[in-house]
C-alpha atoms as a PDB file:
ATOM      1  CA  MET A   1     167.547  97.953  86.037  1.00  0.00           C
ATOM      2  CA  ARG A   2     165.869  99.860  83.205  1.00  0.00           C
ATOM      3  CA  SER A   3     162.375  98.797  84.378  1.00  0.00           C
ATOM      4  CA  THR A   4     163.197  99.853  87.940  1.00  0.00           C
ATOM      5  CA  LEU A   5     164.285 103.308  86.786  1.00  0.00           C
ATOM      6  CA  ALA A   6     161.126 103.633  84.709  1.00  0.00           C
ATOM      7  CA  ALA A   7     158.992 102.721  87.700  1.00  0.00           C
ATOM      8  CA  ILE A   8     160.802 105.307  89.848  1.00  0.00           C
ATOM      9  CA  CYS A   9     160.242 107.986  87.192  1.00  0.00           C
ATOM     10  CA  VAL A  10     156.521 107.170  87.005  1.00  0.00           C
ATOM     11  CA  ALA A  11     156.237 107.307  90.789  1.00  0.00           C
ATOM     12  CA  MET A  12     158.006 110.684  90.888  1.00  0.00           C
ATOM     13  CA  LEU A  13     155.699 112.117  88.243  1.00  0.00           C
ATOM     14  CA  ALA A  14     152.595 110.773  89.966  1.00  0.00           C
ATOM     15  CA  GLY A  15     153.797 111.760  93.427  1.00  0.00           C
ATOM     16  CA  PRO A  16     152.014 115.097  94.012  1.00  0.00           C
ATOM     17  CA  ALA A  17     148.735 113.890  92.496  1.00  0.00           C
ATOM     18  CA  ALA A  18     148.855 110.630  94.452  1.00  0.00           C
ATOM     19  CA  ALA A  19     149.654 112.461  97.678  1.00  0.00           C
ATOM     20  CA  ALA A  20     146.744 114.860  97.114  1.00  0.00           C
ATOM     21  CA  GLU A  21     144.388 111.940  96.470  1.00  0.00           C
ATOM     22  CA  ARG A  22     145.505 110.206  99.670  1.00  0.00           C
ATOM     23  CA  ALA A  23     144.907 113.422 101.610  1.00  0.00           C
ATOM     24  CA  GLY A  24     141.449 113.730 100.070  1.00  0.00           C
ATOM     25  CA  LEU A  25     142.257 117.006  98.317  1.00  0.00           C
ATOM     26  CA  VAL A  26     140.759 118.227  95.054  1.00  0.00           C
ATOM     27  CA  HIS A  27     142.419 121.139  93.244  1.00  0.00           C
ATOM     28  CA  VAL A  28     140.682 123.845  91.232  1.00  0.00           C
ATOM     29  CA  ARG A  29     141.942 126.867  89.317  1.00  0.00           C
ATOM     30  CA  LEU A  30     139.734 129.935  89.077  1.00  0.00           C
ATOM     31  CA  GLU A  31     140.693 132.006  86.047  1.00  0.00           C
ATOM     32  CA  THR A  32     139.602 135.543  86.934  1.00  0.00           C
ATOM     33  CA  SER A  33     140.035 139.012  85.473  1.00  0.00           C
ATOM     34  CA  ALA A  34     142.178 139.806  88.541  1.00  0.00           C
ATOM     35  CA  GLY A  35     144.478 136.806  87.948  1.00  0.00           C
ATOM     36  CA  PRO A  36     144.421 133.043  88.578  1.00  0.00           C
ATOM     37  CA  ILE A  37     143.483 131.625  91.991  1.00  0.00           C
ATOM     38  CA  THR A  38     144.204 128.006  92.944  1.00  0.00           C
ATOM     39  CA  LEU A  39     142.172 126.140  95.566  1.00  0.00           C
ATOM     40  CA  ALA A  40     142.714 122.856  97.428  1.00  0.00           C
ATOM     41  CA  LEU A  41     139.385 121.478  98.676  1.00  0.00           C
ATOM     42  CA  ASP A  42     139.144 118.975 101.532  1.00  0.00           C
ATOM     43  CA  ALA A  43     136.893 116.194 100.261  1.00  0.00           C
ATOM     44  CA  ARG A  44     137.752 113.974 103.245  1.00  0.00           C
ATOM     45  CA  ARG A  45     136.660 116.308 106.046  1.00  0.00           C
ATOM     46  CA  ALA A  46     134.031 118.311 104.146  1.00  0.00           C
ATOM     47  CA  PRO A  47     132.690 115.837 101.548  1.00  0.00           C
ATOM     48  CA  ILE A  48     129.227 117.370 101.040  1.00  0.00           C
ATOM     49  CA  THR A  49     130.474 120.921 100.535  1.00  0.00           C
ATOM     50  CA  THR A  50     133.374 119.861  98.304  1.00  0.00           C
ATOM     51  CA  ALA A  51     131.160 117.642  96.124  1.00  0.00           C
ATOM     52  CA  ASN A  52     128.695 120.509  95.712  1.00  0.00           C
ATOM     53  CA  PHE A  53     131.408 122.990  94.708  1.00  0.00           C
ATOM     54  CA  MET A  54     132.923 120.509  92.262  1.00  0.00           C
ATOM     55  CA  ALA A  55     129.522 119.900  90.647  1.00  0.00           C
ATOM     56  CA  TYR A  56     129.415 123.627  89.853  1.00  0.00           C
ATOM     57  CA  VAL A  57     132.969 123.400  88.476  1.00  0.00           C
ATOM     58  CA  ASP A  58     132.339 120.258  86.402  1.00  0.00           C
ATOM     59  CA  ASP A  59     129.067 121.656  85.018  1.00  0.00           C
ATOM     60  CA  GLY A  60     130.678 124.988  84.095  1.00  0.00           C
ATOM     61  CA  ARG A  61     128.199 126.802  86.350  1.00  0.00           C
ATOM     62  CA  PHE A  62     130.884 129.182  87.666  1.00  0.00           C
ATOM     63  CA  ASP A  63     132.073 130.105  84.167  1.00  0.00           C
ATOM     64  CA  GLY A  64     131.105 133.693  83.419  1.00  0.00           C
ATOM     65  CA  THR A  65     130.067 134.522  86.999  1.00  0.00           C
ATOM     66  CA  VAL A  66     131.740 137.147  89.207  1.00  0.00           C
ATOM     67  CA  PHE A  67     133.237 138.084  92.531  1.00  0.00           C
ATOM     68  CA  TYR A  68     130.670 140.638  93.644  1.00  0.00           C
ATOM     69  CA  ARG A  69     131.364 141.341  97.329  1.00  0.00           C
ATOM     70  CA  ALA A  70     134.384 142.748  99.181  1.00  0.00           C
ATOM     71  CA  ALA A  71     133.886 142.691 102.958  1.00  0.00           C
ATOM     72  CA  ARG A  72     136.810 144.608 104.441  1.00  0.00           C
ATOM     73  CA  SER A  73     137.537 144.473 108.164  1.00  0.00           C
ATOM     74  CA  LYS A  74     137.330 147.817 109.961  1.00  0.00           C
ATOM     75  CA  ALA A  75     139.437 146.538 112.842  1.00  0.00           C
ATOM     76  CA  ARG A  76     142.179 144.911 110.734  1.00  0.00           C
ATOM     77  CA  PRO A  77     143.209 146.893 107.620  1.00  0.00           C
ATOM     78  CA  GLY A  78     143.842 144.620 104.644  1.00  0.00           C
ATOM     79  CA  ALA A  79     141.788 141.760 106.096  1.00  0.00           C
ATOM     80  CA  GLY A  80     138.279 140.525 105.335  1.00  0.00           C
ATOM     81  CA  PHE A  81     136.823 138.289 102.655  1.00  0.00           C
ATOM     82  CA  VAL A  82     135.616 138.298  99.063  1.00  0.00           C
ATOM     83  CA  GLN A  83     132.491 136.543  97.856  1.00  0.00           C
ATOM     84  CA  GLY A  84     131.723 135.182  94.429  1.00  0.00           C
ATOM     85  CA  GLY A  85     129.608 132.686  92.535  1.00  0.00           C
ATOM     86  CA  VAL A  86     126.157 132.493  90.991  1.00  0.00           C
ATOM     87  CA  ARG A  87     124.576 135.138  93.289  1.00  0.00           C
ATOM     88  CA  THR A  88     120.790 134.750  92.907  1.00  0.00           C
ATOM     89  CA  ASP A  89     120.855 133.294  89.370  1.00  0.00           C
ATOM     90  CA  LEU A  90     118.512 130.321  89.792  1.00  0.00           C
ATOM     91  CA  ARG A  91     119.299 129.207  86.228  1.00  0.00           C
ATOM     92  CA  ARG A  92     122.757 128.169  87.452  1.00  0.00           C
ATOM     93  CA  ALA A  93     121.890 127.073  90.994  1.00  0.00           C
ATOM     94  CA  LEU A  94     121.821 123.457  92.133  1.00  0.00           C
ATOM     95  CA  PRO A  95     119.648 122.285  95.070  1.00  0.00           C
ATOM     96  CA  PRO A  96     120.804 123.590  98.479  1.00  0.00           C
ATOM     97  CA  ILE A  97     123.084 121.408 100.588  1.00  0.00           C
ATOM     98  CA  ASP A  98     123.315 120.630 104.305  1.00  0.00           C
ATOM     99  CA  LEU A  99     125.745 122.670 106.360  1.00  0.00           C
ATOM    100  CA  GLU A 100     129.016 121.029 107.430  1.00  0.00           C
ATOM    101  CA  PRO A 101     129.941 123.236 110.426  1.00  0.00           C
ATOM    102  CA  THR A 102     133.506 123.684 111.597  1.00  0.00           C
ATOM    103  CA  SER A 103     132.551 121.929 114.846  1.00  0.00           C
ATOM    104  CA  ARG A 104     132.010 118.765 112.803  1.00  0.00           C
ATOM    105  CA  THR A 105     134.818 118.999 110.241  1.00  0.00           C
ATOM    106  CA  GLY A 106     137.571 120.388 112.466  1.00  0.00           C
ATOM    107  CA  LEU A 107     138.386 122.951 109.760  1.00  0.00           C
ATOM    108  CA  ARG A 108     138.683 126.593 110.756  1.00  0.00           C
ATOM    109  CA  HIS A 109     138.354 129.967 109.068  1.00  0.00           C
ATOM    110  CA  LEU A 110     142.017 130.915 108.937  1.00  0.00           C
ATOM    111  CA  ASP A 111     143.819 133.103 106.417  1.00  0.00           C
ATOM    112  CA  ALA A 112     143.211 131.945 102.819  1.00  0.00           C
ATOM    113  CA  THR A 113     140.247 129.719 103.707  1.00  0.00           C
ATOM    114  CA  VAL A 114     137.588 128.700 101.180  1.00  0.00           C
ATOM    115  CA  SER A 115     134.125 128.708 102.744  1.00  0.00           C
ATOM    116  CA  MET A 116     130.547 128.284 101.563  1.00  0.00           C
ATOM    117  CA  ALA A 117     128.131 131.190 101.803  1.00  0.00           C
ATOM    118  CA  HIS A 118     124.561 130.470 102.842  1.00  0.00           C
ATOM    119  CA  GLY A 119     121.340 132.334 103.482  1.00  0.00           C
ATOM    120  CA  THR A 120     119.167 132.619 106.562  1.00  0.00           C
ATOM    121  CA  PHE A 121     118.846 128.853 106.930  1.00  0.00           C
ATOM    122  CA  ASP A 122     121.799 126.536 107.541  1.00  0.00           C
ATOM    123  CA  ALA A 123     120.810 124.207 104.705  1.00  0.00           C
ATOM    124  CA  SER A 124     120.608 126.969 102.086  1.00  0.00           C
ATOM    125  CA  ALA A 125     124.088 127.007 100.501  1.00  0.00           C
ATOM    126  CA  THR A 126     124.098 126.703  96.705  1.00  0.00           C
ATOM    127  CA  GLY A 127     126.764 128.237  94.462  1.00  0.00           C
ATOM    128  CA  ASN A 128     128.249 131.169  96.381  1.00  0.00           C
ATOM    129  CA  PHE A 129     131.537 131.021  98.257  1.00  0.00           C
ATOM    130  CA  VAL A 130     134.034 133.225 100.093  1.00  0.00           C
ATOM    131  CA  LEU A 131     137.821 133.458 100.254  1.00  0.00           C
ATOM    132  CA  THR A 132     139.236 134.911 103.466  1.00  0.00           C
ATOM    133  CA  VAL A 133     142.112 137.357 103.845  1.00  0.00           C
ATOM    134  CA  GLY A 134     143.370 136.990 107.399  1.00  0.00           C
ATOM    135  CA  PRO A 135     141.782 134.783 110.091  1.00  0.00           C
ATOM    136  CA  SER A 136     137.971 134.960 110.322  1.00  0.00           C
ATOM    137  CA  PRO A 137     137.089 133.088 113.546  1.00  0.00           C
ATOM    138  CA  GLN A 138     133.697 134.836 113.649  1.00  0.00           C
ATOM    139  CA  MET A 139     132.642 132.460 110.848  1.00  0.00           C
ATOM    140  CA  ASP A 140     133.399 129.334 112.911  1.00  0.00           C
ATOM    141  CA  ALA A 141     130.702 127.432 114.783  1.00  0.00           C
ATOM    142  CA  ARG A 142     130.188 128.248 118.463  1.00  0.00           C
ATOM    143  CA  PRO A 143     127.401 127.739 121.014  1.00  0.00           C
ATOM    144  CA  GLY A 144     124.220 129.238 119.611  1.00  0.00           C
ATOM    145  CA  PHE A 145     125.743 129.833 116.151  1.00  0.00           C
ATOM    146  CA  THR A 146     126.287 127.130 113.534  1.00  0.00           C
ATOM    147  CA  GLY A 147     128.589 129.303 111.423  1.00  0.00           C
ATOM    148  CA  TYR A 148     129.759 128.544 107.904  1.00  0.00           C
ATOM    149  CA  ALA A 149     131.347 125.572 106.161  1.00  0.00           C
ATOM    150  CA  ALA A 150     135.094 125.968 105.677  1.00  0.00           C
ATOM    151  CA  PHE A 151     136.128 123.366 103.116  1.00  0.00           C
ATOM    152  CA  GLY A 152     139.511 124.237 101.647  1.00  0.00           C
ATOM    153  CA  ARG A 153     142.439 126.593 101.231  1.00  0.00           C
ATOM    154  CA  VAL A 154     143.720 129.072  98.676  1.00  0.00           C
ATOM    155  CA  THR A 155     147.071 127.594  97.643  1.00  0.00           C
ATOM    156  CA  GLY A 156     147.975 130.124  94.968  1.00  0.00           C
ATOM    157  CA  GLY A 157     146.888 133.577  93.850  1.00  0.00           C
ATOM    158  CA  MET A 158     146.343 135.314  97.184  1.00  0.00           C
ATOM    159  CA  ASP A 159     147.677 138.445  95.478  1.00  0.00           C
ATOM    160  CA  ALA A 160     144.634 138.270  93.173  1.00  0.00           C
ATOM    161  CA  VAL A 161     142.329 137.742  96.167  1.00  0.00           C
ATOM    162  CA  ARG A 162     143.771 140.848  97.826  1.00  0.00           C
ATOM    163  CA  ARG A 163     143.267 142.828  94.617  1.00  0.00           C
ATOM    164  CA  ILE A 164     139.611 141.809  94.608  1.00  0.00           C
ATOM    165  CA  LEU A 165     139.243 142.770  98.283  1.00  0.00           C
ATOM    166  CA  ALA A 166     140.669 146.218  97.502  1.00  0.00           C
ATOM    167  CA  GLN A 167     138.155 146.958  94.709  1.00  0.00           C
ATOM    168  CA  PRO A 168     135.941 150.026  95.188  1.00  0.00           C
ATOM    169  CA  SER A 169     132.615 149.022  96.683  1.00  0.00           C
ATOM    170  CA  GLY A 170     129.290 150.483  97.765  1.00  0.00           C
ATOM    171  CA  GLY A 171     125.562 149.828  97.592  1.00  0.00           C
ATOM    172  CA  GLY A 172     124.077 146.731  99.159  1.00  0.00           C
ATOM    173  CA  SER A 173     121.880 146.531 102.238  1.00  0.00           C
ATOM    174  CA  GLY A 174     121.871 144.886 105.640  1.00  0.00           C
ATOM    175  CA  VAL A 175     125.103 143.025 106.366  1.00  0.00           C
ATOM    176  CA  MET A 176     126.237 143.681 102.779  1.00  0.00           C
ATOM    177  CA  ARG A 177     125.804 147.449 102.988  1.00  0.00           C
ATOM    178  CA  GLY A 178     128.738 149.180 101.291  1.00  0.00           C
ATOM    179  CA  GLN A 179     130.305 145.854 100.270  1.00  0.00           C
ATOM    180  CA  MET A 180     129.105 145.324  96.687  1.00  0.00           C
ATOM    181  CA  ILE A 181     132.006 145.601  94.223  1.00  0.00           C
ATOM    182  CA  LEU A 182     131.187 148.439  91.832  1.00  0.00           C
ATOM    183  CA  ARG A 183     132.875 146.725  88.883  1.00  0.00           C
ATOM    184  CA  PRO A 184     132.592 142.992  89.698  1.00  0.00           C
ATOM    185  CA  VAL A 185     135.629 140.824  88.963  1.00  0.00           C
ATOM    186  CA  ARG A 186     134.873 138.161  86.350  1.00  0.00           C
ATOM    187  CA  ILE A 187     135.345 134.456  86.948  1.00  0.00           C
ATOM    188  CA  VAL A 188     136.162 133.528  83.362  1.00  0.00           C
ATOM    189  CA  ARG A 189     136.099 129.832  84.158  1.00  0.00           C
ATOM    190  CA  ALA A 190     136.720 127.296  86.921  1.00  0.00           C
ATOM    191  CA  VAL A 191     138.885 124.294  86.018  1.00  0.00           C
ATOM    192  CA  ARG A 192     139.271 120.964  87.825  1.00  0.00           C
ATOM    193  CA  LEU A 193     142.987 120.135  88.073  1.00  0.00           C
ATOM    194  CA  ASP A 194     142.792 116.528  89.270  1.00  0.00           C
ATOM    195  CA  GLY A 195     140.382 113.688  89.895  1.00  0.00           C
ATOM    196  CA  VAL A 196     137.469 112.564  87.752  1.00  0.00           C
ATOM    197  CA  ALA A 197     134.793 115.023  86.648  1.00  0.00           C
ATOM    198  CA  LYS A 198     131.324 114.336  88.083  1.00  0.00           C
ATOM    199  CA  PRO A 199     128.799 116.583  86.311  1.00  0.00           C
ATOM    200  CA  SER A 200     125.439 116.944  88.038  1.00  0.00           C
ATOM    201  CA  GLY A 201     123.490 115.888  84.951  1.00  0.00           C
ATOM    202  CA  ARG A 202     121.000 118.690  85.561  1.00  0.00           C
ATOM    203  CA  PRO A 203     119.899 121.021  82.737  1.00  0.00           C
ATOM    204  CA  LYS A 204     122.182 123.983  82.013  1.00  0.00           C
ATOM    205  CA  VAL A 205     119.327 126.440  81.728  1.00  0.00           C
ATOM    206  CA  TRP A 206     121.513 129.536  81.400  1.00  0.00           C
ATOM    207  CA  LEU A 207     123.155 128.064  78.283  1.00  0.00           C
ATOM    208  CA  ILE A 208     119.827 127.007  76.786  1.00  0.00           C
ATOM    209  CA  LEU A 209     118.400 130.497  77.212  1.00  0.00           C
ATOM    210  CA  ARG A 210     121.585 132.069  75.850  1.00  0.00           C
ATOM    211  CA  GLY A 211     121.339 129.890  72.751  1.00  0.00           C
ATOM    212  CA  SER A 212     117.717 130.864  72.165  1.00  0.00           C
END
């Protein structure tokens, strides 16, 4: 009887983590100067994008970076997205990854979606990401447009995301005109909450230069 109760207790304690593993989810906490933000990343449906993001987390490449962009919707007050990550700091960047479009993964850019930013080319995403506030279907794949890679959800801290979106902004050019956060919000560190860490093994050049 005692061993049965012990087994039940262990199962109850392991329940949420086991369920997340079965669903292919990996959880991350972003500790920011605007408050903590928790993410659940879909490693089953978006394995390439999730593995890339987690390499940045496990290497500490997001630690000390910022949220630098607040793209507010003109048509829907309070909606839009925020963008953060390594920006153009090649010392922190890992090699670009292939795009996993929403037409392949079945994921969509809904409210509180985590998505990967990329440049002019589809296979150019590195260490920059966005968090949506409100649905953003314009980021989904459609005929003639490959879109962006949605790969998870914000499961906690949307109040912090909204605070970042509301930050005063300006500057920028092109599609980012007027969207650069004037006092960027710090990402103090990104922490893996479950699973096994898988560092990239690549040199941490920004730390080497800082030490010198």
